[in-house]
Amino acid sequence: MPKFLRLAPFVKGYAFSDEKIGSTFAFDASDKLEVNVITTLIIKTVIDEDAYLSLTTAYIIGTPKRLVVVIALDDDGDKERLMKKPLPPLHPSLERILDVLDGPDVYETH
């Protein structure tokens, strides 16, 4: 079962990319239902629970804000401090899915 925690205002990790998922699985990335099905399957069957701090939705920082599903590896109340912090080595289950992820980056929780 995926871990969901109350997180600080900023998280650092990887976001699922609609475009990369569509490209990898050969379908139109604007089909949000298909993207959500694939994302859910990856979360439930590929990612080990020990691979991340939490799963969350968060905003890509910038304009316009866009909500994405993020595999959070760290969190902090200070965006600049979090940006400077190195991430731990990636768990093998995350390494296997890097082709469908964007990041690492810092995202704003809501």
C-alpha atoms as a PDB file:
ATOM      1  CA  MET A   1       0.000   0.000   0.000  1.00  0.00           C
ATOM      2  CA  PRO A   2       1.482   3.392  -0.972  1.00  0.00           C
ATOM      3  CA  LYS A   3       2.577   5.684   1.847  1.00  0.00           C
ATOM      4  CA  PHE A   4       0.782   9.006   2.184  1.00  0.00           C
ATOM      5  CA  LEU A   5       2.102  11.391   4.860  1.00  0.00           C
ATOM      6  CA  ARG A   6       1.530  14.994   5.870  1.00  0.00           C
ATOM      7  CA  LEU A   7       4.450  16.699   4.177  1.00  0.00           C
ATOM      8  CA  ALA A   8       6.237  20.038   4.483  1.00  0.00           C
ATOM      9  CA  PRO A   9       5.352  22.773   1.950  1.00  0.00           C
ATOM     10  CA  PHE A  10       8.052  21.581  -0.473  1.00  0.00           C
ATOM     11  CA  VAL A  11       9.048  18.093  -1.609  1.00  0.00           C
ATOM     12  CA  LYS A  12      11.979  16.878  -3.655  1.00  0.00           C
ATOM     13  CA  GLY A  13      11.634  13.898  -5.906  1.00  0.00           C
ATOM     14  CA  TYR A  14      10.313  12.742  -9.248  1.00  0.00           C
ATOM     15  CA  ALA A  15       7.011  13.472 -10.994  1.00  0.00           C
ATOM     16  CA  PHE A  16       5.154  11.195 -13.358  1.00  0.00           C
ATOM     17  CA  SER A  17       5.254  12.708 -16.860  1.00  0.00           C
ATOM     18  CA  ASP A  18       2.118  12.358 -18.983  1.00  0.00           C
ATOM     19  CA  GLU A  19       4.182  12.886 -22.129  1.00  0.00           C
ATOM     20  CA  LYS A  20       6.796  10.279 -21.224  1.00  0.00           C
ATOM     21  CA  ILE A  21       4.131   7.760 -20.191  1.00  0.00           C
ATOM     22  CA  GLY A  22       2.290   8.280 -23.491  1.00  0.00           C
ATOM     23  CA  SER A  23       5.499   7.939 -25.474  1.00  0.00           C
ATOM     24  CA  THR A  24       6.708   4.858 -23.585  1.00  0.00           C
ATOM     25  CA  PHE A  25       3.369   3.041 -23.833  1.00  0.00           C
ATOM     26  CA  ALA A  26       2.499   4.367 -27.336  1.00  0.00           C
ATOM     27  CA  PHE A  27      -0.716   6.304 -26.763  1.00  0.00           C
ATOM     28  CA  ASP A  28      -1.831   9.938 -26.850  1.00  0.00           C
ATOM     29  CA  ALA A  29      -0.628  11.590 -23.626  1.00  0.00           C
ATOM     30  CA  SER A  30      -3.669  13.881 -23.619  1.00  0.00           C
ATOM     31  CA  ASP A  31      -5.768  10.809 -22.728  1.00  0.00           C
ATOM     32  CA  LYS A  32      -5.758  11.488 -18.972  1.00  0.00           C
ATOM     33  CA  LEU A  33      -7.697   8.320 -18.156  1.00  0.00           C
ATOM     34  CA  GLU A  34      -5.037   6.143 -19.816  1.00  0.00           C
ATOM     35  CA  VAL A  35      -2.238   8.118 -18.113  1.00  0.00           C
ATOM     36  CA  ASN A  36      -3.935   7.654 -14.728  1.00  0.00           C
ATOM     37  CA  VAL A  37      -4.389   3.907 -15.297  1.00  0.00           C
ATOM     38  CA  ILE A  38      -0.705   3.450 -16.190  1.00  0.00           C
ATOM     39  CA  THR A  39       0.449   5.653 -13.287  1.00  0.00           C
ATOM     40  CA  THR A  40      -1.688   3.646 -10.856  1.00  0.00           C
ATOM     41  CA  LEU A  41      -0.364   0.343 -12.215  1.00  0.00           C
ATOM     42  CA  ILE A  42       3.225   1.513 -11.828  1.00  0.00           C
ATOM     43  CA  ILE A  43       2.593   2.678  -8.258  1.00  0.00           C
ATOM     44  CA  LYS A  44       0.874  -0.570  -7.282  1.00  0.00           C
ATOM     45  CA  THR A  45       3.122  -3.069  -9.048  1.00  0.00           C
ATOM     46  CA  VAL A  46       6.579  -1.616  -9.665  1.00  0.00           C
ATOM     47  CA  ILE A  47       7.570   0.820  -6.915  1.00  0.00           C
ATOM     48  CA  ASP A  48       8.773  -0.697  -3.653  1.00  0.00           C
ATOM     49  CA  GLU A  49       7.385   1.056  -0.551  1.00  0.00           C
ATOM     50  CA  ASP A  50      10.930   1.430   0.797  1.00  0.00           C
ATOM     51  CA  ALA A  51      11.875   3.477  -2.283  1.00  0.00           C
ATOM     52  CA  TYR A  52      10.287   6.772  -1.212  1.00  0.00           C
ATOM     53  CA  LEU A  53       9.188   8.986   1.651  1.00  0.00           C
ATOM     54  CA  SER A  54       5.645   9.456   0.329  1.00  0.00           C
ATOM     55  CA  LEU A  55       3.478   9.691  -2.762  1.00  0.00           C
ATOM     56  CA  THR A  56       1.706  13.014  -3.140  1.00  0.00           C
ATOM     57  CA  THR A  57       0.227  15.452  -5.576  1.00  0.00           C
ATOM     58  CA  ALA A  58       2.153  18.695  -5.833  1.00  0.00           C
ATOM     59  CA  TYR A  59       2.578  21.682  -8.096  1.00  0.00           C
ATOM     60  CA  ILE A  60       5.391  22.171 -10.549  1.00  0.00           C
ATOM     61  CA  ILE A  61       6.915  25.467  -9.447  1.00  0.00           C
ATOM     62  CA  GLY A  62       6.620  28.119 -12.127  1.00  0.00           C
ATOM     63  CA  THR A  63       3.923  29.466 -14.345  1.00  0.00           C
ATOM     64  CA  PRO A  64       1.407  28.175 -14.841  1.00  0.00           C
ATOM     65  CA  LYS A  65       1.201  25.917 -11.807  1.00  0.00           C
ATOM     66  CA  ARG A  66       0.439  22.349 -12.825  1.00  0.00           C
ATOM     67  CA  LEU A  67      -0.547  19.548 -10.460  1.00  0.00           C
ATOM     68  CA  VAL A  68       1.418  16.295 -10.830  1.00  0.00           C
ATOM     69  CA  VAL A  69       1.833  12.989  -8.974  1.00  0.00           C
ATOM     70  CA  VAL A  70       5.180  13.090  -7.172  1.00  0.00           C
ATOM     71  CA  ILE A  71       7.312  10.352  -5.676  1.00  0.00           C
ATOM     72  CA  ALA A  72       8.647  12.386  -2.739  1.00  0.00           C
ATOM     73  CA  LEU A  73      12.091  11.437  -1.490  1.00  0.00           C
ATOM     74  CA  ASP A  74      12.543  14.387   0.901  1.00  0.00           C
ATOM     75  CA  ASP A  75      10.554  17.353   2.215  1.00  0.00           C
ATOM     76  CA  ASP A  76      11.306  20.673   3.894  1.00  0.00           C
ATOM     77  CA  GLY A  77       9.689  23.991   4.755  1.00  0.00           C
ATOM     78  CA  ASP A  78      12.523  25.891   3.057  1.00  0.00           C
ATOM     79  CA  LYS A  79      12.575  25.585  -0.733  1.00  0.00           C
ATOM     80  CA  GLU A  80      16.152  26.831  -1.172  1.00  0.00           C
ATOM     81  CA  ARG A  81      17.528  24.477   1.493  1.00  0.00           C
ATOM     82  CA  LEU A  82      15.702  21.540  -0.091  1.00  0.00           C
ATOM     83  CA  MET A  83      17.029  22.418  -3.555  1.00  0.00           C
ATOM     84  CA  LYS A  84      20.588  22.239  -2.200  1.00  0.00           C
ATOM     85  CA  LYS A  85      20.139  18.948  -0.335  1.00  0.00           C
ATOM     86  CA  PRO A  86      21.415  15.893  -2.202  1.00  0.00           C
ATOM     87  CA  LEU A  87      19.019  13.019  -2.682  1.00  0.00           C
ATOM     88  CA  PRO A  88      19.831   9.569  -1.374  1.00  0.00           C
ATOM     89  CA  PRO A  89      20.813   6.911  -3.921  1.00  0.00           C
ATOM     90  CA  LEU A  90      17.817   5.787  -5.969  1.00  0.00           C
ATOM     91  CA  HIS A  91      16.120   2.555  -5.080  1.00  0.00           C
ATOM     92  CA  PRO A  92      16.290   0.008  -7.957  1.00  0.00           C
ATOM     93  CA  SER A  93      12.490   0.107  -8.337  1.00  0.00           C
ATOM     94  CA  LEU A  94      12.716   3.836  -9.130  1.00  0.00           C
ATOM     95  CA  GLU A  95      15.664   3.373 -11.466  1.00  0.00           C
ATOM     96  CA  ARG A  96      13.490   1.011 -13.534  1.00  0.00           C
ATOM     97  CA  ILE A  97      10.868   3.701 -14.191  1.00  0.00           C
ATOM     98  CA  LEU A  98      13.024   6.782 -14.821  1.00  0.00           C
ATOM     99  CA  ASP A  99      11.851   6.740 -18.455  1.00  0.00           C
ATOM    100  CA  VAL A 100       8.377   7.894 -17.332  1.00  0.00           C
ATOM    101  CA  LEU A 101       9.479  10.417 -14.697  1.00  0.00           C
ATOM    102  CA  ASP A 102      10.575  14.048 -14.681  1.00  0.00           C
ATOM    103  CA  GLY A 103      13.103  15.225 -12.139  1.00  0.00           C
ATOM    104  CA  PRO A 104      14.566  15.225  -9.717  1.00  0.00           C
ATOM    105  CA  ASP A 105      13.069  18.587  -8.838  1.00  0.00           C
ATOM    106  CA  VAL A 106      11.453  20.502  -6.011  1.00  0.00           C
ATOM    107  CA  TYR A 107       7.647  20.703  -6.032  1.00  0.00           C
ATOM    108  CA  GLU A 108       5.187  22.728  -3.959  1.00  0.00           C
ATOM    109  CA  THR A 109       2.660  20.751  -1.938  1.00  0.00           C
ATOM    110  CA  HIS A 110      -0.853  22.105  -1.513  1.00  0.00           C
END
